PDB file of N, CA and C in Angstrom:
ATOM      1  N   MET A   1     -49.991   7.344-206.562  1.00  0.00           N
ATOM      2  CA  MET A   1     -50.361   8.006-207.697  1.00  0.00           C
ATOM      3  C   MET A   1     -51.394   9.330-208.043  1.00  0.00           C
ATOM      4  N   SER A   2     -51.326  10.570-207.972  1.00  0.00           N
ATOM      5  CA  SER A   2     -52.966  11.081-207.925  1.00  0.00           C
ATOM      6  C   SER A   2     -53.032  11.419-209.735  1.00  0.00           C
ATOM      7  N   SER A   3     -53.995  11.382-209.696  1.00  0.00           N
ATOM      8  CA  SER A   3     -54.067  11.793-211.543  1.00  0.00           C
ATOM      9  C   SER A   3     -52.770  13.350-212.045  1.00  0.00           C
ATOM     10  N   PRO A   4     -53.300  14.385-210.950  1.00  0.00           N
ATOM     11  CA  PRO A   4     -52.358  15.686-211.223  1.00  0.00           C
ATOM     12  C   PRO A   4     -50.338  15.358-211.815  1.00  0.00           C
ATOM     13  N   ASP A   5     -49.882  13.606-210.554  1.00  0.00           N
ATOM     14  CA  ASP A   5     -49.007  13.584-211.217  1.00  0.00           C
ATOM     15  C   ASP A   5     -48.779  12.907-212.762  1.00  0.00           C
ATOM     16  N   LEU A   6     -50.035  11.774-212.421  1.00  0.00           N
ATOM     17  CA  LEU A   6     -50.116  11.088-213.306  1.00  0.00           C
ATOM     18  C   LEU A   6     -49.699  12.184-214.875  1.00  0.00           C
ATOM     19  N   LEU A   7     -50.398  12.844-214.987  1.00  0.00           N
ATOM     20  CA  LEU A   7     -50.820  13.970-216.088  1.00  0.00           C
ATOM     21  C   LEU A   7     -49.224  15.009-216.086  1.00  0.00           C
ATOM     22  N   SER A   8     -48.547  14.047-215.573  1.00  0.00           N
ATOM     23  CA  SER A   8     -46.724  15.806-214.738  1.00  0.00           C
ATOM     24  C   SER A   8     -46.020  14.448-215.804  1.00  0.00           C
ATOM     25  N   LEU A   9     -46.319  13.173-215.429  1.00  0.00           N
ATOM     26  CA  LEU A   9     -45.404  12.133-216.441  1.00  0.00           C
ATOM     27  C   LEU A   9     -45.324  12.545-218.066  1.00  0.00           C
ATOM     28  N   LEU A  10     -46.906  12.219-217.316  1.00  0.00           N
ATOM     29  CA  LEU A  10     -46.748  12.140-219.673  1.00  0.00           C
ATOM     30  C   LEU A  10     -46.982  13.603-220.486  1.00  0.00           C
ATOM     31  N   TYR A  11     -46.986  14.310-219.757  1.00  0.00           N
ATOM     32  CA  TYR A  11     -46.179  16.091-220.289  1.00  0.00           C
ATOM     33  C   TYR A  11     -45.339  15.960-220.523  1.00  0.00           C
ATOM     34  N   ARG A  12     -44.305  15.544-219.279  1.00  0.00           N
ATOM     35  CA  ARG A  12     -42.754  15.452-218.845  1.00  0.00           C
ATOM     36  C   ARG A  12     -42.686  14.934-220.318  1.00  0.00           C
ATOM     37  N   ALA A  13     -42.919  13.664-220.020  1.00  0.00           N
ATOM     38  CA  ALA A  13     -42.296  12.389-221.623  1.00  0.00           C
ATOM     39  C   ALA A  13     -42.771  13.049-222.758  1.00  0.00           C
ATOM     40  N   ALA A  14     -43.906  14.034-223.501  1.00  0.00           N
ATOM     41  CA  ALA A  14     -44.422  14.136-224.395  1.00  0.00           C
ATOM     42  C   ALA A  14     -43.881  15.490-224.559  1.00  0.00           C
ATOM     43  N   ALA A  15     -42.722  16.563-223.835  1.00  0.00           N
ATOM     44  CA  ALA A  15     -42.168  16.331-224.454  1.00  0.00           C
ATOM     45  C   ALA A  15     -40.508  16.811-224.275  1.00  0.00           C
ATOM     46  N   THR A  16     -39.756  15.676-224.161  1.00  0.00           N
ATOM     47  CA  THR A  16     -38.052  15.388-223.712  1.00  0.00           C
ATOM     48  C   THR A  16     -37.787  14.630-226.214  1.00  0.00           C
ATOM     49  N   PRO A  17     -37.473  14.462-226.752  1.00  0.00           N
ATOM     50  CA  PRO A  17     -36.791  14.103-227.836  1.00  0.00           C
ATOM     51  C   PRO A  17     -37.433  12.871-227.944  1.00  0.00           C
ATOM     52  N   HIS A  18     -37.623  12.501-226.205  1.00  0.00           N
ATOM     53  CA  HIS A  18     -37.582  10.427-226.567  1.00  0.00           C
ATOM     54  C   HIS A  18     -38.595   9.710-225.620  1.00  0.00           C
ATOM     55  N   GLY A  19     -38.582  10.664-224.513  1.00  0.00           N
ATOM     56  CA  GLY A  19     -39.465  10.141-223.260  1.00  0.00           C
ATOM     57  C   GLY A  19     -38.991  10.684-221.968  1.00  0.00           C
ATOM     58  N   ILE A  20     -39.410   9.529-221.304  1.00  0.00           N
ATOM     59  CA  ILE A  20     -38.839   9.252-220.337  1.00  0.00           C
ATOM     60  C   ILE A  20     -39.136   8.099-219.207  1.00  0.00           C
ATOM     61  N   SER A  21     -38.127   7.385-218.239  1.00  0.00           N
ATOM     62  CA  SER A  21     -37.570   6.019-217.176  1.00  0.00           C
ATOM     63  C   SER A  21     -38.699   6.449-216.388  1.00  0.00           C
ATOM     64  N   VAL A  22     -39.810   5.974-215.731  1.00  0.00           N
ATOM     65  CA  VAL A  22     -40.323   5.987-214.141  1.00  0.00           C
ATOM     66  C   VAL A  22     -39.973   4.951-213.476  1.00  0.00           C
ATOM     67  N   GLU A  23     -39.157   5.362-211.970  1.00  0.00           N
ATOM     68  CA  GLU A  23     -39.745   4.084-211.062  1.00  0.00           C
ATOM     69  C   GLU A  23     -40.500   3.911-210.600  1.00  0.00           C
ATOM     70  N   THR A  24     -41.043   2.432-211.001  1.00  0.00           N
ATOM     71  CA  THR A  24     -42.314   2.511-209.527  1.00  0.00           C
ATOM     72  C   THR A  24     -41.783   0.446-208.718  1.00  0.00           C
ATOM     73  N   THR A  25     -42.613  -0.188-207.641  1.00  0.00           N
ATOM     74  CA  THR A  25     -42.867  -0.817-207.420  1.00  0.00           C
ATOM     75  C   THR A  25     -44.169  -1.858-207.705  1.00  0.00           C
ATOM     76  N   ASP A  26     -44.828  -1.424-209.210  1.00  0.00           N
ATOM     77  CA  ASP A  26     -45.627  -1.981-209.457  1.00  0.00           C
ATOM     78  C   ASP A  26     -46.113  -1.138-210.977  1.00  0.00           C
ATOM     79  N   VAL A  27     -45.397  -1.958-212.040  1.00  0.00           N
ATOM     80  CA  VAL A  27     -45.355  -1.170-213.653  1.00  0.00           C
ATOM     81  C   VAL A  27     -46.648  -1.465-213.892  1.00  0.00           C
ATOM     82  N   THR A  28     -46.990  -3.074-213.884  1.00  0.00           N
ATOM     83  CA  THR A  28     -48.399  -3.024-214.599  1.00  0.00           C
ATOM     84  C   THR A  28     -48.913  -1.621-213.793  1.00  0.00           C
ATOM     85  N   GLN A  29     -49.212  -2.391-212.888  1.00  0.00           N
ATOM     86  CA  GLN A  29     -50.350  -1.593-212.058  1.00  0.00           C
ATOM     87  C   GLN A  29     -50.168   0.515-212.523  1.00  0.00           C
ATOM     88  N   LEU A  30     -49.477   1.364-212.518  1.00  0.00           N
ATOM     89  CA  LEU A  30     -48.757   2.342-213.003  1.00  0.00           C
ATOM     90  C   LEU A  30     -49.364   2.627-214.999  1.00  0.00           C
ATOM     91  N   ARG A  31     -48.395   1.378-215.154  1.00  0.00           N
ATOM     92  CA  ARG A  31     -48.981   1.011-216.707  1.00  0.00           C
ATOM     93  C   ARG A  31     -50.798   1.156-216.221  1.00  0.00           C
ATOM     94  N   ALA A  32     -51.170   1.299-216.265  1.00  0.00           N
ATOM     95  CA  ALA A  32     -52.950   0.701-216.465  1.00  0.00           C
ATOM     96  C   ALA A  32     -52.687   2.357-215.772  1.00  0.00           C
ATOM     97  N   LYS A  33     -52.618   3.362-214.973  1.00  0.00           N
ATOM     98  CA  LYS A  33     -52.801   3.827-214.754  1.00  0.00           C
ATOM     99  C   LYS A  33     -52.702   5.003-215.525  1.00  0.00           C
ATOM    100  N   LEU A  34     -51.580   4.888-216.261  1.00  0.00           N
ATOM    101  CA  LEU A  34     -50.684   6.037-217.061  1.00  0.00           C
ATOM    102  C   LEU A  34     -52.236   6.314-218.536  1.00  0.00           C
ATOM    103  N   TYR A  35     -52.918   4.845-218.658  1.00  0.00           N
ATOM    104  CA  TYR A  35     -53.563   4.792-219.969  1.00  0.00           C
ATOM    105  C   TYR A  35     -54.594   5.243-219.485  1.00  0.00           C
ATOM    106  N   THR A  36     -55.399   5.069-218.745  1.00  0.00           N
ATOM    107  CA  THR A  36     -55.959   5.652-218.569  1.00  0.00           C
ATOM    108  C   THR A  36     -56.644   7.420-218.110  1.00  0.00           C
ATOM    109  N   ALA A  37     -55.114   7.822-217.491  1.00  0.00           N
ATOM    110  CA  ALA A  37     -54.352   9.589-218.427  1.00  0.00           C
ATOM    111  C   ALA A  37     -54.794   9.900-219.130  1.00  0.00           C
ATOM    112  N   MET A  38     -54.202   8.774-220.343  1.00  0.00           N
ATOM    113  CA  MET A  38     -53.702   8.515-221.612  1.00  0.00           C
ATOM    114  C   MET A  38     -55.462   9.106-222.104  1.00  0.00           C
ATOM    115  N   ARG A  39     -56.768   8.404-221.505  1.00  0.00           N
ATOM    116  CA  ARG A  39     -57.718   7.728-222.593  1.00  0.00           C
ATOM    117  C   ARG A  39     -58.469   9.701-222.764  1.00  0.00           C
ATOM    118  N   ASP A  40     -58.332   9.602-223.978  1.00  0.00           N
ATOM    119  CA  ASP A  40     -59.666  10.924-225.334  1.00  0.00           C
ATOM    120  C   ASP A  40     -58.819  12.706-224.371  1.00  0.00           C
ATOM    121  N   ARG A  41     -57.218  12.062-224.693  1.00  0.00           N
ATOM    122  CA  ARG A  41     -56.258  12.762-225.104  1.00  0.00           C
ATOM    123  C   ARG A  41     -55.307  12.678-225.488  1.00  0.00           C
ATOM    124  N   PRO A  42     -55.812  14.195-226.938  1.00  0.00           N
ATOM    125  CA  PRO A  42     -55.602  13.331-228.117  1.00  0.00           C
ATOM    126  C   PRO A  42     -53.074  13.955-228.439  1.00  0.00           C
ATOM    127  N   GLU A  43     -53.582  15.342-227.606  1.00  0.00           N
ATOM    128  CA  GLU A  43     -52.077  15.816-227.560  1.00  0.00           C
ATOM    129  C   GLU A  43     -50.600  14.456-227.033  1.00  0.00           C
ATOM    130  N   PHE A  44     -51.160  12.663-226.349  1.00  0.00           N
ATOM    131  CA  PHE A  44     -51.276  12.118-225.956  1.00  0.00           C
ATOM    132  C   PHE A  44     -50.488  11.098-226.482  1.00  0.00           C
ATOM    133  N   SER A  45     -51.021  10.970-227.843  1.00  0.00           N
ATOM    134  CA  SER A  45     -51.552   9.943-229.118  1.00  0.00           C
ATOM    135  C   SER A  45     -49.926   9.908-228.785  1.00  0.00           C
ATOM    136  N   ASN A  46     -48.765  10.252-229.330  1.00  0.00           N
ATOM    137  CA  ASN A  46     -47.647   9.996-229.665  1.00  0.00           C
ATOM    138  C   ASN A  46     -46.364   9.315-228.784  1.00  0.00           C
ATOM    139  N   LEU A  47     -47.414   8.581-227.290  1.00  0.00           N
ATOM    140  CA  LEU A  47     -46.212   8.392-226.435  1.00  0.00           C
ATOM    141  C   LEU A  47     -47.102   6.416-226.255  1.00  0.00           C
ATOM    142  N   SER A  48     -46.028   6.459-225.867  1.00  0.00           N
ATOM    143  CA  SER A  48     -46.352   4.930-225.914  1.00  0.00           C
ATOM    144  C   SER A  48     -45.948   3.950-224.126  1.00  0.00           C
ATOM    145  N   LEU A  49     -45.711   3.373-223.540  1.00  0.00           N
ATOM    146  CA  LEU A  49     -46.147   2.760-222.491  1.00  0.00           C
ATOM    147  C   LEU A  49     -45.137   1.039-222.856  1.00  0.00           C
ATOM    148  N   VAL A  50     -43.945   0.902-222.394  1.00  0.00           N
ATOM    149  CA  VAL A  50     -42.852  -0.241-222.533  1.00  0.00           C
ATOM    150  C   VAL A  50     -42.231  -0.143-221.082  1.00  0.00           C
ATOM    151  N   PRO A  51     -43.018  -1.950-221.110  1.00  0.00           N
ATOM    152  CA  PRO A  51     -41.482  -2.487-219.560  1.00  0.00           C
ATOM    153  C   PRO A  51     -40.644  -2.219-220.466  1.00  0.00           C
ATOM    154  N   SER A  52     -39.147  -1.300-219.045  1.00  0.00           N
ATOM    155  CA  SER A  52     -38.233  -2.092-219.406  1.00  0.00           C
ATOM    156  C   SER A  52     -37.822  -3.007-219.674  1.00  0.00           C
ATOM    157  N   PRO A  53     -36.843  -3.128-220.472  1.00  0.00           N
ATOM    158  CA  PRO A  53     -36.816  -5.130-220.768  1.00  0.00           C
ATOM    159  C   PRO A  53     -35.433  -5.061-219.753  1.00  0.00           C
ATOM    160  N   ILE A  54     -35.025  -4.535-219.337  1.00  0.00           N
ATOM    161  CA  ILE A  54     -33.276  -4.184-218.574  1.00  0.00           C
ATOM    162  C   ILE A  54     -33.566  -4.246-216.953  1.00  0.00           C
ATOM    163  N   ASN A  55     -34.784  -3.250-215.971  1.00  0.00           N
ATOM    164  CA  ASN A  55     -34.985  -3.313-214.799  1.00  0.00           C
ATOM    165  C   ASN A  55     -36.435  -3.316-214.860  1.00  0.00           C
ATOM    166  N   PRO A  56     -36.585  -4.244-213.825  1.00  0.00           N
ATOM    167  CA  PRO A  56     -38.383  -5.236-214.304  1.00  0.00           C
ATOM    168  C   PRO A  56     -38.901  -4.049-213.585  1.00  0.00           C
ATOM    169  N   LEU A  57     -38.393  -3.697-212.685  1.00  0.00           N
ATOM    170  CA  LEU A  57     -39.066  -1.880-211.714  1.00  0.00           C
ATOM    171  C   LEU A  57     -39.173  -0.444-212.500  1.00  0.00           C
ATOM    172  N   GLU A  58     -39.044  -0.878-213.556  1.00  0.00           N
ATOM    173  CA  GLU A  58     -39.243   0.755-214.248  1.00  0.00           C
ATOM    174  C   GLU A  58     -40.324   0.050-215.433  1.00  0.00           C
ATOM    175  N   LEU A  59     -40.993   1.417-215.109  1.00  0.00           N
ATOM    176  CA  LEU A  59     -41.988   2.194-216.983  1.00  0.00           C
ATOM    177  C   LEU A  59     -40.880   2.853-217.508  1.00  0.00           C
ATOM    178  N   TRP A  60     -41.088   2.347-219.004  1.00  0.00           N
ATOM    179  CA  TRP A  60     -41.217   3.901-220.214  1.00  0.00           C
ATOM    180  C   TRP A  60     -41.535   4.536-221.010  1.00  0.00           C
ATOM    181  N   ILE A  61     -41.730   5.654-220.612  1.00  0.00           N
ATOM    182  CA  ILE A  61     -43.049   6.593-221.948  1.00  0.00           C
ATOM    183  C   ILE A  61     -41.850   6.563-222.807  1.00  0.00           C
ATOM    184  N   ILE A  62     -42.157   6.199-223.745  1.00  0.00           N
ATOM    185  CA  ILE A  62     -41.826   6.306-225.065  1.00  0.00           C
ATOM    186  C   ILE A  62     -42.853   8.788-226.131  1.00  0.00           C
ATOM    187  N   ASN A  63     -42.060   8.453-226.635  1.00  0.00           N
ATOM    188  CA  ASN A  63     -42.220   9.852-226.908  1.00  0.00           C
ATOM    189  C   ASN A  63     -42.192   9.200-228.196  1.00  0.00           C
ATOM    190  N   LYS A  64     -43.131   8.958-229.709  1.00  0.00           N
ATOM    191  CA  LYS A  64     -43.385   8.107-230.370  1.00  0.00           C
ATOM    192  C   LYS A  64     -42.703   9.264-231.598  1.00  0.00           C
ATOM    193  N   GLU A  65     -43.390  10.292-231.208  1.00  0.00           N
ATOM    194  CA  GLU A  65     -43.208  11.323-232.476  1.00  0.00           C
ATOM    195  C   GLU A  65     -42.724  12.739-231.802  1.00  0.00           C
ATOM    196  N   PRO A  66     -41.078  12.671-231.171  1.00  0.00           N
ATOM    197  CA  PRO A  66     -41.023  13.713-231.503  1.00  0.00           C
ATOM    198  C   PRO A  66     -41.577  15.705-232.135  1.00  0.00           C
ATOM    199  N   SER A  67     -41.128  16.277-230.311  1.00  0.00           N
ATOM    200  CA  SER A  67     -42.634  17.881-231.223  1.00  0.00           C
ATOM    201  C   SER A  67     -40.638  18.741-232.184  1.00  0.00           C
ATOM    202  N   GLY A  68     -40.959  18.985-232.937  1.00  0.00           N
ATOM    203  CA  GLY A  68     -40.438  19.697-234.018  1.00  0.00           C
ATOM    204  C   GLY A  68     -40.072  18.240-234.700  1.00  0.00           C
ATOM    205  N   GLU A  69     -40.142  17.368-234.606  1.00  0.00           N
ATOM    206  CA  GLU A  69     -39.077  16.850-235.675  1.00  0.00           C
ATOM    207  C   GLU A  69     -40.088  16.343-236.755  1.00  0.00           C
TER     208      GLU A  69
END
């Protein structure tokens, strides 16, 4: 996944009330790439990356502080 794609996922999650879920073949690798993309970007400080406890091929990008609340 390219850097613009990663940023797109992060912006989508930040714009939603609760966040998004992302299907992937490697949750650990995607999580590491997203953390790198989030580095030094304060607009993503409210996001949390959590492996799904239900689906081992899913990563949750959780919006801890939805805008407007």
